[in-house]
Amino acid sequence: METIKKYFPLSFGIKSVVDLVIKIIIYLVISAIVGVLINVLSHIPVINLLTGLAGALLELYILIGIILAVLDFFKIIK
């Protein structure tokens, strides 16, 4: 569990619904900012494959982070 907390520090320590919503919004804003950056870089032919892979990994990280935040809020994981 400590390893998960090390890689997803934003997903833990949620005490109220407001904290949960704020952390989800932070994840979504980070995703949008990096998504725009990846979109700009994807127009370069050589970097297109790398940006696609980075985008997929980012989306997976954001999804796992949001799921962990919700699970921590409902005390399903400790």
PDB file of N, CA and C in Angstrom:
ATOM      1  N   MET A   1       0.810  -1.189   0.000  1.00  0.00           N
ATOM      2  CA  MET A   1       0.000   0.000   0.000  1.00  0.00           C
ATOM      3  C   MET A   1       0.863   1.266   0.000  1.00  0.00           C
ATOM      4  N   GLU A   2       2.014   1.203   0.636  1.00  0.00           N
ATOM      5  CA  GLU A   2       2.887   2.369   0.667  1.00  0.00           C
ATOM      6  C   GLU A   2       3.399   2.718  -0.727  1.00  0.00           C
ATOM      7  N   THR A   3       3.600   1.707  -1.560  1.00  0.00           N
ATOM      8  CA  THR A   3       4.049   1.952  -2.921  1.00  0.00           C
ATOM      9  C   THR A   3       2.985   2.705  -3.712  1.00  0.00           C
ATOM     10  N   ILE A   4       1.736   2.306  -3.546  1.00  0.00           N
ATOM     11  CA  ILE A   4       0.644   2.989  -4.234  1.00  0.00           C
ATOM     12  C   ILE A   4       0.548   4.434  -3.757  1.00  0.00           C
ATOM     13  N   LYS A   5       0.696   4.647  -2.454  1.00  0.00           N
ATOM     14  CA  LYS A   5       0.637   6.008  -1.921  1.00  0.00           C
ATOM     15  C   LYS A   5       1.796   6.861  -2.428  1.00  0.00           C
ATOM     16  N   LYS A   6       2.922   6.212  -2.727  1.00  0.00           N
ATOM     17  CA  LYS A   6       4.077   6.950  -3.238  1.00  0.00           C
ATOM     18  C   LYS A   6       3.823   7.430  -4.663  1.00  0.00           C
ATOM     19  N   TYR A   7       3.179   6.604  -5.488  1.00  0.00           N
ATOM     20  CA  TYR A   7       2.942   6.959  -6.872  1.00  0.00           C
ATOM     21  C   TYR A   7       1.667   7.768  -7.089  1.00  0.00           C
ATOM     22  N   PHE A   8       0.734   7.705  -6.158  1.00  0.00           N
ATOM     23  CA  PHE A   8      -0.518   8.451  -6.247  1.00  0.00           C
ATOM     24  C   PHE A   8      -0.741   9.258  -4.970  1.00  0.00           C
ATOM     25  N   PRO A   9       0.114  10.238  -4.674  1.00  0.00           N
ATOM     26  CA  PRO A   9      -0.009  10.962  -3.396  1.00  0.00           C
ATOM     27  C   PRO A   9      -1.253  11.830  -3.323  1.00  0.00           C
ATOM     28  N   LEU A  10      -1.779  12.254  -4.454  1.00  0.00           N
ATOM     29  CA  LEU A  10      -2.944  13.128  -4.466  1.00  0.00           C
ATOM     30  C   LEU A  10      -4.234  12.379  -4.136  1.00  0.00           C
ATOM     31  N   SER A  11      -4.232  11.076  -4.255  1.00  0.00           N
ATOM     32  CA  SER A  11      -5.453  10.293  -4.095  1.00  0.00           C
ATOM     33  C   SER A  11      -5.784   9.924  -2.659  1.00  0.00           C
ATOM     34  N   PHE A  12      -4.910  10.212  -1.732  1.00  0.00           N
ATOM     35  CA  PHE A  12      -5.144   9.768  -0.362  1.00  0.00           C
ATOM     36  C   PHE A  12      -5.268  10.950   0.583  1.00  0.00           C
ATOM     37  N   GLY A  13      -5.890  10.719   1.737  1.00  0.00           N
ATOM     38  CA  GLY A  13      -6.056  11.757   2.744  1.00  0.00           C
ATOM     39  C   GLY A  13      -7.305  12.591   2.543  1.00  0.00           C
ATOM     40  N   ILE A  14      -8.312  12.021   1.923  1.00  0.00           N
ATOM     41  CA  ILE A  14      -9.547  12.756   1.644  1.00  0.00           C
ATOM     42  C   ILE A  14     -10.470  12.634   2.854  1.00  0.00           C
ATOM     43  N   LYS A  15     -10.913  13.782   3.355  1.00  0.00           N
ATOM     44  CA  LYS A  15     -11.743  13.792   4.557  1.00  0.00           C
ATOM     45  C   LYS A  15     -13.190  14.199   4.293  1.00  0.00           C
ATOM     46  N   SER A  16     -13.451  14.945   3.220  1.00  0.00           N
ATOM     47  CA  SER A  16     -14.819  15.395   2.951  1.00  0.00           C
ATOM     48  C   SER A  16     -15.114  15.316   1.457  1.00  0.00           C
ATOM     49  N   VAL A  17     -16.373  15.530   1.119  1.00  0.00           N
ATOM     50  CA  VAL A  17     -16.786  15.498  -0.277  1.00  0.00           C
ATOM     51  C   VAL A  17     -16.113  16.635  -1.052  1.00  0.00           C
ATOM     52  N   VAL A  18     -15.939  17.771  -0.394  1.00  0.00           N
ATOM     53  CA  VAL A  18     -15.284  18.911  -1.045  1.00  0.00           C
ATOM     54  C   VAL A  18     -13.850  18.545  -1.415  1.00  0.00           C
ATOM     55  N   ASP A  19     -13.136  17.874  -0.529  1.00  0.00           N
ATOM     56  CA  ASP A  19     -11.772  17.423  -0.839  1.00  0.00           C
ATOM     57  C   ASP A  19     -11.769  16.483  -2.038  1.00  0.00           C
ATOM     58  N   LEU A  20     -12.729  15.567  -2.066  1.00  0.00           N
ATOM     59  CA  LEU A  20     -12.818  14.608  -3.164  1.00  0.00           C
ATOM     60  C   LEU A  20     -13.050  15.330  -4.485  1.00  0.00           C
ATOM     61  N   VAL A  21     -13.981  16.272  -4.501  1.00  0.00           N
ATOM     62  CA  VAL A  21     -14.281  17.004  -5.728  1.00  0.00           C
ATOM     63  C   VAL A  21     -13.081  17.827  -6.173  1.00  0.00           C
ATOM     64  N   ILE A  22     -12.404  18.472  -5.234  1.00  0.00           N
ATOM     65  CA  ILE A  22     -11.230  19.273  -5.576  1.00  0.00           C
ATOM     66  C   ILE A  22     -10.129  18.405  -6.172  1.00  0.00           C
ATOM     67  N   LYS A  23      -9.890  17.252  -5.589  1.00  0.00           N
ATOM     68  CA  LYS A  23      -8.832  16.371  -6.104  1.00  0.00           C
ATOM     69  C   LYS A  23      -9.190  15.820  -7.482  1.00  0.00           C
ATOM     70  N   ILE A  24     -10.465  15.521  -7.707  1.00  0.00           N
ATOM     71  CA  ILE A  24     -10.887  15.059  -9.035  1.00  0.00           C
ATOM     72  C   ILE A  24     -10.714  16.175 -10.053  1.00  0.00           C
ATOM     73  N   ILE A  25     -11.068  17.402  -9.673  1.00  0.00           N
ATOM     74  CA  ILE A  25     -10.894  18.535 -10.582  1.00  0.00           C
ATOM     75  C   ILE A  25      -9.411  18.758 -10.882  1.00  0.00           C
ATOM     76  N   ILE A  26      -8.552  18.614  -9.870  1.00  0.00           N
ATOM     77  CA  ILE A  26      -7.110  18.760 -10.097  1.00  0.00           C
ATOM     78  C   ILE A  26      -6.622  17.713 -11.096  1.00  0.00           C
ATOM     79  N   TYR A  27      -7.060  16.475 -10.941  1.00  0.00           N
ATOM     80  CA  TYR A  27      -6.671  15.428 -11.892  1.00  0.00           C
ATOM     81  C   TYR A  27      -7.141  15.785 -13.304  1.00  0.00           C
ATOM     82  N   LEU A  28      -8.368  16.277 -13.428  1.00  0.00           N
ATOM     83  CA  LEU A  28      -8.902  16.594 -14.745  1.00  0.00           C
ATOM     84  C   LEU A  28      -8.196  17.796 -15.375  1.00  0.00           C
ATOM     85  N   VAL A  29      -7.836  18.785 -14.570  1.00  0.00           N
ATOM     86  CA  VAL A  29      -7.106  19.941 -15.103  1.00  0.00           C
ATOM     87  C   VAL A  29      -5.718  19.523 -15.575  1.00  0.00           C
ATOM     88  N   ILE A  30      -5.040  18.710 -14.792  1.00  0.00           N
ATOM     89  CA  ILE A  30      -3.721  18.206 -15.208  1.00  0.00           C
ATOM     90  C   ILE A  30      -3.845  17.430 -16.513  1.00  0.00           C
ATOM     91  N   SER A  31      -4.896  16.613 -16.605  1.00  0.00           N
ATOM     92  CA  SER A  31      -5.116  15.834 -17.818  1.00  0.00           C
ATOM     93  C   SER A  31      -5.369  16.743 -19.015  1.00  0.00           C
ATOM     94  N   ALA A  32      -6.142  17.799 -18.831  1.00  0.00           N
ATOM     95  CA  ALA A  32      -6.440  18.710 -19.934  1.00  0.00           C
ATOM     96  C   ALA A  32      -5.190  19.462 -20.386  1.00  0.00           C
ATOM     97  N   ILE A  33      -4.403  19.943 -19.432  1.00  0.00           N
ATOM     98  CA  ILE A  33      -3.194  20.691 -19.788  1.00  0.00           C
ATOM     99  C   ILE A  33      -2.205  19.808 -20.540  1.00  0.00           C
ATOM    100  N   VAL A  34      -1.961  18.626 -20.032  1.00  0.00           N
ATOM    101  CA  VAL A  34      -1.021  17.725 -20.709  1.00  0.00           C
ATOM    102  C   VAL A  34      -1.616  17.226 -22.020  1.00  0.00           C
ATOM    103  N   GLY A  35      -2.926  17.070 -22.078  1.00  0.00           N
ATOM    104  CA  GLY A  35      -3.576  16.670 -23.327  1.00  0.00           C
ATOM    105  C   GLY A  35      -3.391  17.696 -24.425  1.00  0.00           C
ATOM    106  N   VAL A  36      -3.497  18.972 -24.085  1.00  0.00           N
ATOM    107  CA  VAL A  36      -3.266  20.026 -25.068  1.00  0.00           C
ATOM    108  C   VAL A  36      -1.807  20.002 -25.528  1.00  0.00           C
ATOM    109  N   LEU A  37      -0.887  19.828 -24.593  1.00  0.00           N
ATOM    110  CA  LEU A  37       0.532  19.753 -24.945  1.00  0.00           C
ATOM    111  C   LEU A  37       0.812  18.562 -25.859  1.00  0.00           C
ATOM    112  N   ILE A  38       0.220  17.436 -25.549  1.00  0.00           N
ATOM    113  CA  ILE A  38       0.414  16.249 -26.384  1.00  0.00           C
ATOM    114  C   ILE A  38      -0.201  16.465 -27.761  1.00  0.00           C
ATOM    115  N   ASN A  39      -1.339  17.138 -27.810  1.00  0.00           N
ATOM    116  CA  ASN A  39      -1.971  17.415 -29.095  1.00  0.00           C
ATOM    117  C   ASN A  39      -1.097  18.307 -29.962  1.00  0.00           C
ATOM    118  N   VAL A  40      -0.473  19.297 -29.360  1.00  0.00           N
ATOM    119  CA  VAL A  40       0.421  20.177 -30.116  1.00  0.00           C
ATOM    120  C   VAL A  40       1.634  19.399 -30.620  1.00  0.00           C
ATOM    121  N   LEU A  41       2.203  18.569 -29.771  1.00  0.00           N
ATOM    122  CA  LEU A  41       3.392  17.807 -30.166  1.00  0.00           C
ATOM    123  C   LEU A  41       3.086  16.667 -31.131  1.00  0.00           C
ATOM    124  N   SER A  42       1.839  16.224 -31.194  1.00  0.00           N
ATOM    125  CA  SER A  42       1.512  15.084 -32.049  1.00  0.00           C
ATOM    126  C   SER A  42       1.535  15.442 -33.538  1.00  0.00           C
ATOM    127  N   HIS A  43       1.618  16.719 -33.859  1.00  0.00           N
ATOM    128  CA  HIS A  43       1.683  17.116 -35.262  1.00  0.00           C
ATOM    129  C   HIS A  43       3.083  16.941 -35.846  1.00  0.00           C
ATOM    130  N   ILE A  44       4.053  16.645 -34.998  1.00  0.00           N
ATOM    131  CA  ILE A  44       5.404  16.361 -35.471  1.00  0.00           C
ATOM    132  C   ILE A  44       5.470  14.859 -35.768  1.00  0.00           C
ATOM    133  N   PRO A  45       5.742  14.478 -37.013  1.00  0.00           N
ATOM    134  CA  PRO A  45       5.638  13.063 -37.402  1.00  0.00           C
ATOM    135  C   PRO A  45       6.473  12.096 -36.566  1.00  0.00           C
ATOM    136  N   VAL A  46       7.682  12.448 -36.228  1.00  0.00           N
ATOM    137  CA  VAL A  46       8.550  11.527 -35.500  1.00  0.00           C
ATOM    138  C   VAL A  46       8.064  11.329 -34.064  1.00  0.00           C
ATOM    139  N   ILE A  47       7.525  12.381 -33.487  1.00  0.00           N
ATOM    140  CA  ILE A  47       7.120  12.337 -32.084  1.00  0.00           C
ATOM    141  C   ILE A  47       5.681  11.831 -31.928  1.00  0.00           C
ATOM    142  N   ASN A  48       4.964  11.646 -33.035  1.00  0.00           N
ATOM    143  CA  ASN A  48       3.556  11.258 -32.982  1.00  0.00           C
ATOM    144  C   ASN A  48       3.333   9.965 -32.200  1.00  0.00           C
ATOM    145  N   LEU A  49       4.130   8.953 -32.430  1.00  0.00           N
ATOM    146  CA  LEU A  49       3.977   7.676 -31.733  1.00  0.00           C
ATOM    147  C   LEU A  49       4.235   7.827 -30.237  1.00  0.00           C
ATOM    148  N   LEU A  50       5.277   8.568 -29.897  1.00  0.00           N
ATOM    149  CA  LEU A  50       5.608   8.766 -28.484  1.00  0.00           C
ATOM    150  C   LEU A  50       4.531   9.561 -27.754  1.00  0.00           C
ATOM    151  N   THR A  51       3.976  10.569 -28.415  1.00  0.00           N
ATOM    152  CA  THR A  51       2.935  11.353 -27.753  1.00  0.00           C
ATOM    153  C   THR A  51       1.657  10.547 -27.588  1.00  0.00           C
ATOM    154  N   GLY A  52       1.376   9.684 -28.530  1.00  0.00           N
ATOM    155  CA  GLY A  52       0.209   8.810 -28.392  1.00  0.00           C
ATOM    156  C   GLY A  52       0.357   7.863 -27.218  1.00  0.00           C
ATOM    157  N   LEU A  53       1.531   7.302 -27.072  1.00  0.00           N
ATOM    158  CA  LEU A  53       1.806   6.405 -25.949  1.00  0.00           C
ATOM    159  C   LEU A  53       1.774   7.165 -24.624  1.00  0.00           C
ATOM    160  N   ALA A  54       2.367   8.358 -24.598  1.00  0.00           N
ATOM    161  CA  ALA A  54       2.356   9.172 -23.380  1.00  0.00           C
ATOM    162  C   ALA A  54       0.934   9.579 -23.011  1.00  0.00           C
ATOM    163  N   GLY A  55       0.113   9.891 -24.002  1.00  0.00           N
ATOM    164  CA  GLY A  55      -1.278  10.250 -23.740  1.00  0.00           C
ATOM    165  C   GLY A  55      -2.071   9.095 -23.147  1.00  0.00           C
ATOM    166  N   ALA A  56      -1.853   7.916 -23.677  1.00  0.00           N
ATOM    167  CA  ALA A  56      -2.549   6.737 -23.149  1.00  0.00           C
ATOM    168  C   ALA A  56      -2.125   6.444 -21.717  1.00  0.00           C
ATOM    169  N   LEU A  57      -0.840   6.553 -21.433  1.00  0.00           N
ATOM    170  CA  LEU A  57      -0.353   6.320 -20.068  1.00  0.00           C
ATOM    171  C   LEU A  57      -0.878   7.384 -19.109  1.00  0.00           C
ATOM    172  N   LEU A  58      -0.957   8.619 -19.564  1.00  0.00           N
ATOM    173  CA  LEU A  58      -1.494   9.682 -18.728  1.00  0.00           C
ATOM    174  C   LEU A  58      -2.963   9.444 -18.400  1.00  0.00           C
ATOM    175  N   GLU A  59      -3.740   9.056 -19.407  1.00  0.00           N
ATOM    176  CA  GLU A  59      -5.155   8.772 -19.166  1.00  0.00           C
ATOM    177  C   GLU A  59      -5.330   7.624 -18.177  1.00  0.00           C
ATOM    178  N   LEU A  60      -4.496   6.609 -18.291  1.00  0.00           N
ATOM    179  CA  LEU A  60      -4.554   5.493 -17.357  1.00  0.00           C
ATOM    180  C   LEU A  60      -4.198   5.943 -15.946  1.00  0.00           C
ATOM    181  N   TYR A  61      -3.163   6.771 -15.804  1.00  0.00           N
ATOM    182  CA  TYR A  61      -2.758   7.296 -14.499  1.00  0.00           C
ATOM    183  C   TYR A  61      -3.878   8.133 -13.876  1.00  0.00           C
ATOM    184  N   ILE A  62      -4.501   8.987 -14.662  1.00  0.00           N
ATOM    185  CA  ILE A  62      -5.597   9.826 -14.167  1.00  0.00           C
ATOM    186  C   ILE A  62      -6.769   8.958 -13.737  1.00  0.00           C
ATOM    187  N   LEU A  63      -7.126   7.979 -14.531  1.00  0.00           N
ATOM    188  CA  LEU A  63      -8.246   7.094 -14.192  1.00  0.00           C
ATOM    189  C   LEU A  63      -7.971   6.335 -12.898  1.00  0.00           C
ATOM    190  N   ILE A  64      -6.793   5.774 -12.758  1.00  0.00           N
ATOM    191  CA  ILE A  64      -6.444   5.044 -11.537  1.00  0.00           C
ATOM    192  C   ILE A  64      -6.424   5.991 -10.341  1.00  0.00           C
ATOM    193  N   GLY A  65      -5.906   7.201 -10.518  1.00  0.00           N
ATOM    194  CA  GLY A  65      -5.871   8.181  -9.436  1.00  0.00           C
ATOM    195  C   GLY A  65      -7.263   8.558  -8.948  1.00  0.00           C
ATOM    196  N   ILE A  66      -8.187   8.767  -9.873  1.00  0.00           N
ATOM    197  CA  ILE A  66      -9.561   9.108  -9.494  1.00  0.00           C
ATOM    198  C   ILE A  66     -10.227   7.934  -8.792  1.00  0.00           C
ATOM    199  N   ILE A  67     -10.019   6.735  -9.300  1.00  0.00           N
ATOM    200  CA  ILE A  67     -10.608   5.548  -8.659  1.00  0.00           C
ATOM    201  C   ILE A  67     -10.052   5.371  -7.249  1.00  0.00           C
ATOM    202  N   LEU A  68      -8.756   5.544  -7.068  1.00  0.00           N
ATOM    203  CA  LEU A  68      -8.163   5.428  -5.738  1.00  0.00           C
ATOM    204  C   LEU A  68      -8.694   6.509  -4.793  1.00  0.00           C
ATOM    205  N   ALA A  69      -8.914   7.716  -5.295  1.00  0.00           N
ATOM    206  CA  ALA A  69      -9.456   8.793  -4.466  1.00  0.00           C
ATOM    207  C   ALA A  69     -10.862   8.449  -3.987  1.00  0.00           C
ATOM    208  N   VAL A  70     -11.673   7.927  -4.878  1.00  0.00           N
ATOM    209  CA  VAL A  70     -13.045   7.550  -4.495  1.00  0.00           C
ATOM    210  C   VAL A  70     -13.016   6.388  -3.508  1.00  0.00           C
ATOM    211  N   LEU A  71     -12.179   5.392  -3.756  1.00  0.00           N
ATOM    212  CA  LEU A  71     -12.082   4.262  -2.843  1.00  0.00           C
ATOM    213  C   LEU A  71     -11.570   4.685  -1.469  1.00  0.00           C
ATOM    214  N   ASP A  72     -10.632   5.621  -1.435  1.00  0.00           N
ATOM    215  CA  ASP A  72     -10.128   6.120  -0.160  1.00  0.00           C
ATOM    216  C   ASP A  72     -11.204   6.920   0.572  1.00  0.00           C
ATOM    217  N   PHE A  73     -12.000   7.686  -0.164  1.00  0.00           N
ATOM    218  CA  PHE A  73     -13.049   8.483   0.468  1.00  0.00           C
ATOM    219  C   PHE A  73     -14.091   7.579   1.138  1.00  0.00           C
ATOM    220  N   PHE A  74     -14.464   6.500   0.462  1.00  0.00           N
ATOM    221  CA  PHE A  74     -15.454   5.561   1.022  1.00  0.00           C
ATOM    222  C   PHE A  74     -14.833   4.532   1.964  1.00  0.00           C
ATOM    223  N   LYS A  75     -13.549   4.684   2.266  1.00  0.00           N
ATOM    224  CA  LYS A  75     -12.805   3.811   3.197  1.00  0.00           C
ATOM    225  C   LYS A  75     -12.822   2.349   2.771  1.00  0.00           C
ATOM    226  N   ILE A  76     -12.799   2.113   1.470  1.00  0.00           N
ATOM    227  CA  ILE A  76     -12.732   0.744   0.951  1.00  0.00           C
ATOM    228  C   ILE A  76     -11.300   0.248   1.025  1.00  0.00           C
ATOM    229  N   ILE A  77     -10.349   1.154   0.787  1.00  0.00           N
ATOM    230  CA  ILE A  77      -8.941   0.801   0.949  1.00  0.00           C
ATOM    231  C   ILE A  77      -8.389   1.606   2.114  1.00  0.00           C
ATOM    232  N   LYS A  78      -7.405   1.041   2.762  1.00  0.00           N
ATOM    233  CA  LYS A  78      -6.852   1.709   3.954  1.00  0.00           C
ATOM    234  C   LYS A  78      -5.413   2.040   3.756  1.00  0.00           C
TER     235      LYS A  78
END
